[in-house]
């Protein structure tokens, strides 16, 4: 085993059972990884410096291929069900041994880094990959270790092994397909195979933190966060495609992080050191900061169209997938807060992408309503975010991140409620989806209007604005918002056929009530009563 680094780690790969491999590239820098990516023909360098890669058949997450090993140290705590499906420990061991055999004589790339920007809660991790570009992905996404002496002494608490070229045999291995993402909390190991999609690495680490941090009284959250000049922190909950990244990248506020955070007794902190933004049809005018990141050295562009001769990008081309992505260090955003740490949130925004055209674009929430909608996690899966999704699909995802929540949703909801109560955070629901009709009939709410709503929330301009109750959901709808036409705030008024709106609204309300039955034995009575009314 040779080592391509001046500082090979003392805690070597033999501690993971990895032996007889080729060259091991230890925590290479971005330029060094670029050189390997090009030499190995893993990607193309585009105009102005980003590297463009392809992820093959898997251009989004594969939720049906993710498992958690059923083992004694974690089995009693896991939220088992459709999201967290058990995997036999013996089968994991057999699959891991086959993976070790696959590594024989192969060159490997190692990135040693941290998950968590706050040193008090950081978890040391090690990402081992067979592709140089995925090592750069890990370097972009997680918290880098700048001190070489600390890097040399790095002892990972968790290791993530990603080998897209290694495919499972479902009948033999017990997987759902040739692709797999398997978490073993007892061995503190995650193995990923059969898929090159970078998001699997990112979300696997998030799953780890969602299991570990509540034990230390830290609420783990699927949210973005930013902070104003006065130190006023805002967090934005939401699934992929609802606008977390776009709305938190505000040139007038400092970005703390775009996707995953913890809320401790001291405040909030970013889990990551980078951003992973959707870039399909990205607009320079509407999203200038993220747009510029697609033109920067160090950015990885997944499945973005590129002219092989001119090396110019076409961000409007969805020929490969709607889920084109950019992975870049957060320092590419000019307003990023480099510490990744902020105070307790003054405002909490729940983002939903309503495909029915029923939810108001903007509502004010009580604490109980906020917890109801946090547990419901209503949104629409946007085209391409997951394999097989070709158009928006209405869904409920607890905590706005059920696929990554290892514990029961009530655990996270209780922690959120305690923090809202203690710190007096104001809560809002913002619909970034459709208005004037469902998907295919109505239109998606314009980003400038949504940005105006968010600015009004964060500036305090809506604090004293009169509200009216939504007739179905009982939420408080502001009657006016600066920069937004008043009629846009009333979803029913935007439908041509008001009777059709009423029918659709009752249908959506029934979906909410049906979904929330799973929490009837867990949520407080006040939260249960905060749901929609049905006739």
Protein backbone atom coordinates (compact mmCIF):
# COMPACT_ATOMS: atom_id res chain seq x y z
CA UNK A 1 0.00 0.00 0.00
CA UNK A 2 1.56 3.29 -1.09
CA UNK A 3 0.58 6.67 0.24
CA UNK A 4 0.35 9.79 -1.92
CA UNK A 5 0.66 12.43 0.79
CA UNK A 6 3.31 14.15 2.84
CA UNK A 7 1.11 13.60 5.89
CA UNK A 8 -0.38 10.10 5.83
CA UNK A 9 -2.62 9.62 8.84
CA UNK A 10 -1.39 7.46 11.70
CA UNK A 11 -4.87 5.99 12.04
CA UNK A 12 -4.57 4.09 8.79
CA UNK A 13 -6.96 2.10 6.68
CA UNK A 14 -5.93 -1.15 8.32
CA UNK A 15 -8.12 -0.07 11.25
CA UNK A 16 -11.07 -0.52 8.89
CA UNK A 17 -9.92 -3.91 7.62
CA UNK A 18 -8.72 -2.37 4.35
CA UNK A 19 -5.51 -3.99 3.09
CA UNK A 20 -3.65 -4.75 -0.14
CA UNK A 21 -4.92 -1.72 -2.01
CA UNK A 22 -3.08 0.50 -4.49
CA UNK A 23 -2.15 4.12 -3.91
CA UNK A 24 -3.99 5.86 -1.10
CA UNK A 25 -4.51 9.59 -1.66
CA UNK A 26 -4.80 11.18 1.79
CA UNK A 27 -6.94 14.31 2.09
CA UNK A 28 -5.75 15.84 -1.16
CA UNK A 29 -6.34 19.53 -1.74
CA UNK A 30 -8.76 20.80 -4.37
CA UNK A 31 -6.09 21.45 -7.07
CA UNK A 32 -4.55 18.03 -6.50
CA UNK A 33 -7.96 16.37 -6.80
CA UNK A 34 -8.64 18.30 -10.01
CA UNK A 35 -5.46 16.81 -11.48
CA UNK A 36 -6.57 13.27 -10.61
CA UNK A 37 -10.11 13.87 -11.89
CA UNK A 38 -8.79 14.92 -15.29
CA UNK A 39 -6.10 12.22 -15.51
CA UNK A 40 -8.64 9.55 -14.63
CA UNK A 41 -11.19 11.04 -17.09
CA UNK A 42 -13.83 11.34 -14.39
CA UNK A 43 -15.03 14.75 -15.55
CA UNK A 44 -14.51 17.84 -17.68
CA UNK A 45 -13.31 21.28 -16.63
CA UNK A 46 -15.90 23.84 -17.75
CA UNK A 47 -15.48 27.50 -18.67
CA UNK A 48 -14.15 29.49 -15.69
CA UNK A 49 -13.20 26.39 -13.71
CA UNK A 50 -15.98 24.16 -12.33
CA UNK A 51 -15.67 20.43 -12.96
CA UNK A 52 -18.60 18.62 -14.61
CA UNK A 53 -19.28 14.97 -13.79
CA UNK A 54 -21.91 12.37 -14.62
CA UNK A 55 -23.54 10.12 -12.03
CA UNK A 56 -24.84 7.47 -14.43
CA UNK A 57 -28.23 5.84 -13.91
CA UNK A 58 -28.70 7.37 -10.46
CA UNK A 59 -29.23 11.11 -10.82
CA UNK A 60 -31.01 11.45 -7.47
CA UNK A 61 -31.29 9.70 -4.13
CA UNK A 62 -32.50 6.10 -4.04
CA UNK A 63 -34.63 5.95 -0.85
CA UNK A 64 -35.72 2.36 -1.53
CA UNK A 65 -32.08 1.27 -1.40
CA UNK A 66 -31.27 2.65 2.06
CA UNK A 67 -31.18 0.41 5.15
CA UNK A 68 -30.11 0.51 8.79
CA UNK A 69 -28.51 -2.55 10.30
CA UNK A 70 -30.67 -4.07 13.04
CA UNK A 71 -28.11 -4.51 15.84
CA UNK A 72 -28.21 -4.38 19.67
CA UNK A 73 -26.65 -0.95 20.28
CA UNK A 74 -29.25 1.01 18.29
CA UNK A 75 -32.25 -1.24 17.55
CA UNK A 76 -34.39 0.04 20.44
CA UNK A 77 -33.99 3.70 19.41
CA UNK A 78 -34.48 3.55 15.64
CA UNK A 79 -37.75 4.71 14.07
CA UNK A 80 -38.36 1.51 12.13
CA UNK A 81 -40.81 1.52 9.23
CA UNK A 82 -40.99 2.46 5.58
CA UNK A 83 -38.18 5.00 6.00
CA UNK A 84 -35.74 3.10 8.21
CA UNK A 85 -35.85 -0.48 7.07
CA UNK A 86 -33.85 -3.12 8.94
CA UNK A 87 -30.92 -4.98 7.41
CA UNK A 88 -29.55 -8.20 8.85
CA UNK A 89 -26.20 -7.82 10.59
CA UNK A 90 -24.86 -11.07 9.11
CA UNK A 91 -25.70 -9.89 5.61
CA UNK A 92 -23.97 -6.58 6.26
CA UNK A 93 -20.82 -8.44 7.33
CA UNK A 94 -20.89 -10.57 4.19
CA UNK A 95 -21.44 -7.56 1.94
CA UNK A 96 -18.67 -5.63 3.68
CA UNK A 97 -16.22 -8.52 3.16
CA UNK A 98 -17.07 -8.57 -0.53
CA UNK A 99 -16.52 -4.82 -0.66
CA UNK A 100 -13.08 -5.25 0.92
CA UNK A 101 -12.24 -7.81 -1.76
CA UNK A 102 -13.40 -5.38 -4.44
CA UNK A 103 -10.90 -2.80 -3.13
CA UNK A 104 -7.91 -5.08 -3.69
CA UNK A 105 -5.22 -3.29 -5.72
CA UNK A 106 -7.48 -0.27 -6.31
CA UNK A 107 -6.36 3.30 -5.71
CA UNK A 108 -8.38 4.95 -2.94
CA UNK A 109 -9.12 8.54 -1.97
CA UNK A 110 -9.51 9.50 1.68
CA UNK A 111 -10.91 12.74 3.08
CA UNK A 112 -10.61 13.22 6.83
CA UNK A 113 -12.90 16.00 8.05
CA UNK A 114 -15.58 16.95 10.56
CA UNK A 115 -19.36 16.97 10.57
CA UNK A 116 -20.43 20.06 12.52
CA UNK A 117 -19.03 23.58 12.60
CA UNK A 118 -19.28 24.00 16.38
CA UNK A 119 -16.13 22.44 17.95
CA UNK A 120 -18.19 21.45 21.01
CA UNK A 121 -20.31 19.07 18.93
CA UNK A 122 -18.06 18.12 16.01
CA UNK A 123 -17.93 14.48 14.94
CA UNK A 124 -14.73 13.35 13.18
CA UNK A 125 -15.49 11.40 10.01
CA UNK A 126 -13.55 9.70 7.22
CA UNK A 127 -14.87 9.44 3.67
CA UNK A 128 -13.21 6.74 1.54
CA UNK A 129 -13.99 6.69 -2.18
CA UNK A 130 -12.79 5.07 -5.40
CA UNK A 131 -13.41 8.24 -7.44
CA UNK A 132 -11.41 11.42 -7.09
CA UNK A 133 -14.43 13.63 -7.78
CA UNK A 134 -16.35 12.11 -4.86
CA UNK A 135 -13.38 12.88 -2.63
CA UNK A 136 -13.63 16.49 -3.79
CA UNK A 137 -17.37 16.33 -3.09
CA UNK A 138 -16.65 15.28 0.51
CA UNK A 139 -14.01 17.99 0.80
CA UNK A 140 -16.51 20.61 -0.37
CA UNK A 141 -19.41 19.42 1.74
CA UNK A 142 -17.89 18.80 5.16
CA UNK A 143 -15.75 20.85 7.53
CA UNK A 144 -12.13 20.78 6.45
CA UNK A 145 -9.24 20.34 8.86
CA UNK A 146 -6.73 23.10 8.08
CA UNK A 147 -4.19 22.27 10.80
CA UNK A 148 -1.87 19.58 9.40
CA UNK A 149 -0.88 18.38 12.87
CA UNK A 150 -4.54 17.80 13.76
CA UNK A 151 -5.10 16.10 10.43
CA UNK A 152 -2.22 13.75 11.11
CA UNK A 153 -3.76 12.73 14.45
CA UNK A 154 -7.32 12.45 13.10
CA UNK A 155 -9.21 9.44 14.46
CA UNK A 156 -12.60 9.10 12.73
CA UNK A 157 -15.64 8.28 14.80
CA UNK A 158 -17.58 7.30 11.67
CA UNK A 159 -16.38 6.12 8.29
CA UNK A 160 -18.25 6.34 4.99
CA UNK A 161 -17.17 4.08 2.15
CA UNK A 162 -18.52 4.96 -1.31
CA UNK A 163 -17.76 2.62 -4.20
CA UNK A 164 -20.10 3.15 -7.16
CA UNK A 165 -18.40 0.41 -9.18
CA UNK A 166 -19.32 -2.24 -6.61
CA UNK A 167 -22.81 -3.61 -7.15
CA UNK A 168 -24.86 -5.74 -4.79
CA UNK A 169 -26.60 -8.93 -5.85
CA UNK A 170 -30.13 -8.48 -4.43
CA UNK A 171 -31.02 -12.16 -4.24
CA UNK A 172 -27.78 -12.95 -2.47
CA UNK A 173 -27.24 -9.77 -0.40
CA UNK A 174 -30.82 -8.97 0.62
CA UNK A 175 -30.75 -5.48 -0.95
CA UNK A 176 -33.53 -3.97 -3.02
CA UNK A 177 -31.35 -3.52 -6.12
CA UNK A 178 -27.73 -3.38 -7.17
CA UNK A 179 -27.46 -0.03 -5.39
CA UNK A 180 -27.31 0.20 -1.60
CA UNK A 181 -26.80 2.66 1.24
CA UNK A 182 -26.44 0.81 4.54
CA UNK A 183 -25.83 2.38 7.95
CA UNK A 184 -24.34 0.34 10.81
CA UNK A 185 -24.46 2.43 13.98
CA UNK A 186 -22.77 -0.26 16.06
CA UNK A 187 -19.70 -0.40 13.81
CA UNK A 188 -19.99 3.32 13.00
CA UNK A 189 -19.79 2.52 9.31
CA UNK A 190 -21.78 3.43 6.21
CA UNK A 191 -21.27 1.56 2.94
CA UNK A 192 -22.56 2.90 -0.38
CA UNK A 193 -22.41 1.04 -3.67
CA UNK A 194 -23.96 0.93 -7.11
CA UNK A 195 -24.68 4.68 -7.20
CA UNK A 196 -22.46 7.67 -7.93
CA UNK A 197 -24.92 10.33 -6.80
CA UNK A 198 -23.03 12.57 -4.38
CA UNK A 199 -26.11 13.30 -2.31
CA UNK A 200 -25.99 9.79 -0.85
CA UNK A 201 -22.73 10.64 0.94
CA UNK A 202 -24.10 13.92 2.24
CA UNK A 203 -27.40 12.53 3.50
CA UNK A 204 -25.76 9.50 5.08
CA UNK A 205 -23.73 11.79 7.32
CA UNK A 206 -26.93 13.70 8.14
CA UNK A 207 -28.53 10.42 9.22
CA UNK A 208 -25.61 9.84 11.59
CA UNK A 209 -26.03 13.25 13.19
CA UNK A 210 -29.80 12.83 13.50
CA UNK A 211 -29.15 9.74 15.59
CA UNK A 212 -26.25 10.97 17.73
CA UNK A 213 -26.88 14.65 18.48
CA UNK A 214 -30.25 14.43 20.30
CA UNK A 215 -28.36 12.39 22.90
CA UNK A 216 -26.31 15.54 23.60
CA UNK A 217 -29.45 17.76 23.75
CA UNK A 218 -28.82 19.12 20.25
CA UNK A 219 -31.80 19.29 17.89
CA UNK A 220 -30.75 18.19 14.40
CA UNK A 221 -32.67 19.98 11.65
CA UNK A 222 -33.12 19.76 7.89
CA UNK A 223 -32.98 23.49 7.35
CA UNK A 224 -30.95 26.36 5.96
CA UNK A 225 -30.02 29.38 8.07
CA UNK A 226 -28.85 32.95 7.71
CA UNK A 227 -28.29 35.96 9.94
CA UNK A 228 -28.86 39.72 9.60
CA UNK A 229 -26.62 42.60 10.60
CA UNK A 230 -28.34 42.76 14.01
CA UNK A 231 -27.52 39.14 14.72
CA UNK A 232 -31.11 38.02 14.04
CA UNK A 233 -30.95 34.39 12.91
CA UNK A 234 -33.58 32.80 10.67
CA UNK A 235 -33.92 29.12 9.84
CA UNK A 236 -35.74 27.65 6.84
CA UNK A 237 -37.15 24.12 7.07
CA UNK A 238 -38.02 22.26 3.89
CA UNK A 239 -37.31 19.34 1.63
CA UNK A 240 -35.21 19.57 -1.53
CA UNK A 241 -36.83 21.82 -4.08
CA UNK A 242 -38.79 23.97 -1.63
CA UNK A 243 -36.32 26.86 -1.68
CA UNK A 244 -34.08 26.41 1.38
CA UNK A 245 -30.89 27.10 -0.54
CA UNK A 246 -32.27 29.87 -2.75
CA UNK A 247 -34.07 31.81 -0.01
CA UNK A 248 -31.26 31.60 2.53
CA UNK A 249 -28.69 32.87 0.00
CA UNK A 250 -29.67 36.50 0.55
CA UNK A 251 -27.07 39.16 -0.39
CA UNK A 252 -28.27 41.31 2.52
CA UNK A 253 -27.76 38.56 5.12
CA UNK A 254 -24.89 36.25 6.03
CA UNK A 255 -25.38 32.61 5.10
CA UNK A 256 -24.76 30.21 7.98
CA UNK A 257 -25.60 27.09 5.99
CA UNK A 258 -27.93 25.88 3.24
CA UNK A 259 -29.28 22.51 4.38
CA UNK A 260 -28.48 20.96 7.78
CA UNK A 261 -28.05 22.49 11.24
CA UNK A 262 -28.02 21.74 14.92
CA UNK A 263 -29.74 23.80 17.64
CA UNK A 264 -27.86 23.51 20.91
CA UNK A 265 -28.16 25.31 24.24
CA UNK A 266 -25.77 27.93 22.84
CA UNK A 267 -27.48 28.53 19.46
CA UNK A 268 -27.40 27.00 16.02
CA UNK A 269 -24.50 25.67 13.95
CA UNK A 270 -24.02 24.36 10.45
CA UNK A 271 -23.38 20.65 10.03
CA UNK A 272 -21.48 21.19 6.80
CA UNK A 273 -18.78 23.24 5.16
CA UNK A 274 -20.42 23.48 1.75
CA UNK A 275 -23.64 23.76 -0.23
CA UNK A 276 -25.43 21.36 -2.56
CA UNK A 277 -27.77 23.44 -4.69
CA UNK A 278 -30.17 22.50 -7.47
CA UNK A 279 -29.15 24.47 -10.56
CA UNK A 280 -31.65 23.52 -13.26
CA UNK A 281 -32.80 26.71 -14.99
CA UNK A 282 -30.83 28.74 -12.48
CA UNK A 283 -31.24 32.46 -13.06
CA UNK A 284 -28.43 34.98 -12.72
CA UNK A 285 -31.02 37.64 -11.90
CA UNK A 286 -33.09 35.67 -9.33
CA UNK A 287 -30.25 33.74 -7.67
CA UNK A 288 -27.02 35.65 -8.39
CA UNK A 289 -24.83 34.17 -5.65
CA UNK A 290 -25.61 30.55 -6.48
CA UNK A 291 -25.33 31.29 -10.21
CA UNK A 292 -21.80 32.62 -9.73
CA UNK A 293 -20.88 29.43 -7.90
CA UNK A 294 -21.50 27.48 -11.13
CA UNK A 295 -18.66 29.51 -12.62
CA UNK A 296 -16.05 28.93 -9.91
CA UNK A 297 -13.01 26.70 -9.60
CA UNK A 298 -13.66 24.02 -7.00
CA UNK A 299 -17.37 23.61 -7.75
CA UNK A 300 -18.60 20.17 -8.80
CA UNK A 301 -21.50 20.18 -11.25
CA UNK A 302 -23.45 16.92 -11.37
CA UNK A 303 -25.20 16.09 -14.65
CA UNK A 304 -25.14 19.66 -15.94
CA UNK A 305 -25.12 19.96 -19.75
CA UNK A 306 -21.78 21.08 -21.21
CA UNK A 307 -20.55 21.71 -24.74
CA UNK A 308 -17.49 19.45 -25.05
CA UNK A 309 -15.77 21.88 -27.44
CA UNK A 310 -16.42 25.31 -25.94
CA UNK A 311 -16.83 23.97 -22.39
CA UNK A 312 -19.79 26.31 -21.91
CA UNK A 313 -22.63 25.23 -19.62
CA UNK A 314 -26.33 25.08 -20.39
CA UNK A 315 -28.13 25.30 -17.05
CA UNK A 316 -31.51 25.08 -18.81
CA UNK A 317 -30.85 21.65 -20.28
CA UNK A 318 -32.67 18.91 -18.34
CA UNK A 319 -31.75 16.20 -20.83
CA UNK A 320 -30.10 14.04 -18.17
CA UNK A 321 -32.20 15.05 -15.16
CA UNK A 322 -34.17 17.86 -13.56
CA UNK A 323 -31.95 17.31 -10.52
CA UNK A 324 -28.78 18.97 -11.77
CA UNK A 325 -26.62 19.93 -8.80
CA UNK A 326 -23.71 22.13 -7.76
CA UNK A 327 -21.55 21.17 -4.79
CA UNK A 328 -19.29 23.98 -3.64
CA UNK A 329 -17.58 25.19 -0.45
CA UNK A 330 -19.71 27.68 1.45
CA UNK A 331 -16.89 30.19 1.14
CA UNK A 332 -17.88 30.56 -2.54
CA UNK A 333 -20.87 32.57 -1.24
CA UNK A 334 -19.56 36.12 -0.62
CA UNK A 335 -21.79 36.67 2.42
CA UNK A 336 -21.11 33.32 4.09
CA UNK A 337 -20.47 33.36 7.81
CA UNK A 338 -17.28 31.36 8.01
CA UNK A 339 -17.72 30.21 11.59
CA UNK A 340 -20.98 28.46 10.66
CA UNK A 341 -22.39 29.40 14.08
CA UNK A 342 -25.27 31.69 15.04
CA UNK A 343 -27.54 32.71 17.91
CA UNK A 344 -30.96 31.22 18.67
CA UNK A 345 -33.37 31.78 15.75
CA UNK A 346 -35.63 34.82 15.93
CA UNK A 347 -37.73 33.52 13.02
CA UNK A 348 -38.54 29.95 11.93
CA UNK A 349 -39.87 29.50 8.40
CA UNK A 350 -41.47 26.24 7.29
CA UNK A 351 -41.26 25.99 3.51
CA UNK A 352 -43.72 23.89 1.54
CA UNK A 353 -44.12 23.37 -2.17
CA UNK A 354 -47.88 22.84 -2.48
CA UNK A 355 -48.73 21.02 -5.71
CA UNK A 356 -52.48 21.39 -5.06
CA UNK A 357 -52.54 25.20 -5.24
CA UNK A 358 -54.40 25.40 -1.90
CA UNK A 359 -51.96 26.53 0.78
CA UNK A 360 -51.63 30.32 1.26
CA UNK A 361 -48.29 31.73 0.12
CA UNK A 362 -47.72 33.20 3.59
CA UNK A 363 -49.15 32.46 7.06
CA UNK A 364 -48.24 33.19 10.65
CA UNK A 365 -48.18 30.17 12.98
CA UNK A 366 -48.71 29.58 16.66
CA UNK A 367 -46.24 27.23 18.33
CA UNK A 368 -48.81 24.42 18.15
CA UNK A 369 -49.47 25.03 14.47
CA UNK A 370 -45.76 25.11 13.80
CA UNK A 371 -45.31 21.72 15.46
CA UNK A 372 -48.31 20.31 13.58
CA UNK A 373 -46.85 21.33 10.23
CA UNK A 374 -43.34 20.32 11.30
CA UNK A 375 -44.58 16.81 12.07
CA UNK A 376 -46.68 16.76 8.89
CA UNK A 377 -43.87 17.93 6.63
CA UNK A 378 -46.21 18.53 3.71
CA UNK A 379 -44.58 19.39 0.41
CA UNK A 380 -44.18 18.05 -3.11
CA UNK A 381 -41.27 15.96 -4.27
CA UNK A 382 -39.86 17.96 -7.14
CA UNK A 383 -39.03 16.32 -10.45
CA UNK A 384 -35.70 14.50 -10.43
CA UNK A 385 -34.94 14.84 -6.72
CA UNK A 386 -35.47 11.10 -6.34
CA UNK A 387 -35.22 8.32 -8.89
CA UNK A 388 -38.51 7.84 -10.73
CA UNK A 389 -40.03 11.22 -9.86
CA UNK A 390 -40.76 13.05 -13.14
CA UNK A 391 -43.26 15.65 -11.91
CA UNK A 392 -44.21 17.16 -8.52
CA UNK A 393 -45.86 14.61 -6.24
CA UNK A 394 -47.69 15.60 -3.06
CA UNK A 395 -46.19 13.92 -0.03
CA UNK A 396 -45.78 14.13 3.73
CA UNK A 397 -42.30 13.88 5.19
CA UNK A 398 -42.07 14.20 8.97
CA UNK A 399 -39.77 16.96 10.21
CA UNK A 400 -39.33 18.01 6.56
CA UNK A 401 -36.73 15.27 6.31
CA UNK A 402 -38.18 11.85 7.18
CA UNK A 403 -35.74 9.91 4.94
CA UNK A 404 -32.88 11.05 7.16
CA UNK A 405 -34.51 10.93 10.61
CA UNK A 406 -33.23 7.92 12.55
CA UNK A 407 -35.35 8.60 15.65
CA UNK A 408 -39.13 8.95 16.00
CA UNK A 409 -40.36 12.34 14.68
CA UNK A 410 -41.92 13.16 18.07
CA UNK A 411 -38.40 13.30 19.55
CA UNK A 412 -37.39 16.14 17.24
CA UNK A 413 -40.77 17.88 17.52
CA UNK A 414 -40.62 17.94 21.32
CA UNK A 415 -37.13 19.46 21.22
CA UNK A 416 -38.27 22.07 18.68
CA UNK A 417 -41.29 23.02 20.78
CA UNK A 418 -39.14 23.48 23.88
CA UNK A 419 -36.78 25.80 21.99
CA UNK A 420 -39.57 27.86 20.41
CA UNK A 421 -41.09 28.35 23.87
CA UNK A 422 -37.80 29.19 25.56
CA UNK A 423 -36.47 31.63 22.97
CA UNK A 424 -39.73 33.14 21.70
CA UNK A 425 -39.07 32.32 18.05
CA UNK A 426 -41.73 33.52 15.61
CA UNK A 427 -43.02 30.84 13.25
CA UNK A 428 -44.23 31.13 9.66
CA UNK A 429 -45.39 28.86 6.84
CA UNK A 430 -44.31 29.92 3.34
CA UNK A 431 -45.68 28.16 0.26
CA UNK A 432 -43.23 28.23 -2.66
CA UNK A 433 -45.48 26.02 -4.79
CA UNK A 434 -48.51 26.65 -6.95
CA UNK A 435 -51.18 29.35 -6.99
CA UNK A 436 -54.38 29.65 -9.03
CA UNK A 437 -54.76 25.90 -9.49
CA UNK A 438 -52.88 22.63 -9.05
CA UNK A 439 -49.74 21.63 -10.92
CA UNK A 440 -50.56 21.64 -14.63
CA UNK A 441 -53.28 24.28 -14.24
CA UNK A 442 -51.96 27.03 -11.98
CA UNK A 443 -48.51 28.58 -11.91
CA UNK A 444 -45.65 28.44 -9.47
CA UNK A 445 -45.34 31.46 -7.19
CA UNK A 446 -42.68 33.85 -8.53
CA UNK A 447 -39.38 33.79 -6.66
CA UNK A 448 -39.30 37.63 -6.36
CA UNK A 449 -42.67 37.54 -4.58
CA UNK A 450 -41.49 34.80 -2.23
CA UNK A 451 -38.32 36.77 -1.52
CA UNK A 452 -40.44 39.83 -0.71
CA UNK A 453 -42.45 37.78 1.80
CA UNK A 454 -39.28 36.50 3.44
CA UNK A 455 -37.80 40.01 3.63
CA UNK A 456 -40.98 41.28 5.27
CA UNK A 457 -40.88 38.47 7.83
CA UNK A 458 -37.24 39.01 8.73
CA UNK A 459 -37.49 42.81 8.86
CA UNK A 460 -40.44 42.68 11.26
CA UNK A 461 -42.74 44.48 8.79
CA UNK A 462 -45.41 41.80 9.24
CA UNK A 463 -45.45 41.84 13.03
CA UNK A 464 -48.39 44.26 13.23
CA UNK A 465 -50.12 43.54 9.91
CA UNK A 466 -53.77 42.41 10.32
CA UNK A 467 -54.51 38.82 9.46
CA UNK A 468 -57.51 36.76 8.42
CA UNK A 469 -58.03 33.08 9.26
CA UNK A 470 -57.69 30.59 6.44
CA UNK A 471 -61.12 28.87 6.29
CA UNK A 472 -59.71 25.35 5.99
CA UNK A 473 -56.34 25.33 7.76
CA UNK A 474 -57.12 27.95 10.40
CA UNK A 475 -53.80 29.69 9.84
CA UNK A 476 -53.38 33.47 10.17
CA UNK A 477 -52.94 34.96 6.68
CA UNK A 478 -51.56 38.53 6.52
CA UNK A 479 -53.84 40.82 4.54
CA UNK A 480 -50.89 42.77 3.13
CA UNK A 481 -47.20 42.20 2.49
CA UNK A 482 -44.84 44.81 1.04
CA UNK A 483 -43.80 43.95 -2.51
CA UNK A 484 -46.58 41.38 -3.00
CA UNK A 485 -50.00 41.98 -4.64
CA UNK A 486 -52.68 41.63 -1.97
CA UNK A 487 -54.75 39.23 -4.06
CA UNK A 488 -51.83 36.78 -4.23
CA UNK A 489 -52.10 36.18 -0.48
CA UNK A 490 -55.59 34.67 -0.87
CA UNK A 491 -55.26 31.35 -2.73
CA UNK A 492 -59.01 30.93 -3.32
CA UNK A 493 -59.23 34.33 -4.99
CA UNK A 494 -56.66 33.19 -7.56
CA UNK A 495 -58.76 30.22 -8.74
CA UNK A 496 -61.18 30.82 -11.61
CA UNK A 497 -63.41 27.99 -10.41
CA UNK A 498 -64.05 28.65 -6.70
CA UNK A 499 -66.07 25.45 -6.27
CA UNK A 500 -63.14 23.44 -7.60
CA UNK A 501 -60.91 25.19 -5.06
CA UNK A 502 -63.25 24.23 -2.20
CA UNK A 503 -63.31 20.59 -3.29
CA UNK A 504 -59.52 20.48 -3.64
CA UNK A 505 -59.05 22.21 -0.28
CA UNK A 506 -61.17 19.60 1.50
CA UNK A 507 -59.28 16.85 -0.27
CA UNK A 508 -55.94 18.24 0.92
CA UNK A 509 -57.29 18.71 4.44
CA UNK A 510 -58.33 15.05 4.51
CA UNK A 511 -54.83 14.05 3.40
CA UNK A 512 -53.39 16.05 6.29
CA UNK A 513 -55.71 14.45 8.81
CA UNK A 514 -55.10 10.96 7.45
CA UNK A 515 -51.35 11.40 7.61
CA UNK A 516 -51.42 12.83 11.14
CA UNK A 517 -53.21 9.80 12.61
CA UNK A 518 -49.79 8.19 13.02
CA UNK A 519 -48.96 10.85 15.64
CA UNK A 520 -52.19 10.69 17.66
CA UNK A 521 -50.55 8.75 20.46
CA UNK A 522 -47.43 10.94 20.49
CA UNK A 523 -48.36 14.59 19.89
CA UNK A 524 -49.91 16.76 22.65
CA UNK A 525 -53.62 17.51 22.44
CA UNK A 526 -52.97 21.15 21.54
CA UNK A 527 -50.87 20.10 18.54
CA UNK A 528 -53.48 17.58 17.39
CA UNK A 529 -56.08 20.37 17.47
CA UNK A 530 -53.92 22.66 15.29
CA UNK A 531 -54.67 20.78 12.09
CA UNK A 532 -57.06 21.70 9.26
CA UNK A 533 -60.83 21.63 9.58
CA UNK A 534 -62.87 19.34 7.33
CA UNK A 535 -66.54 19.71 6.51
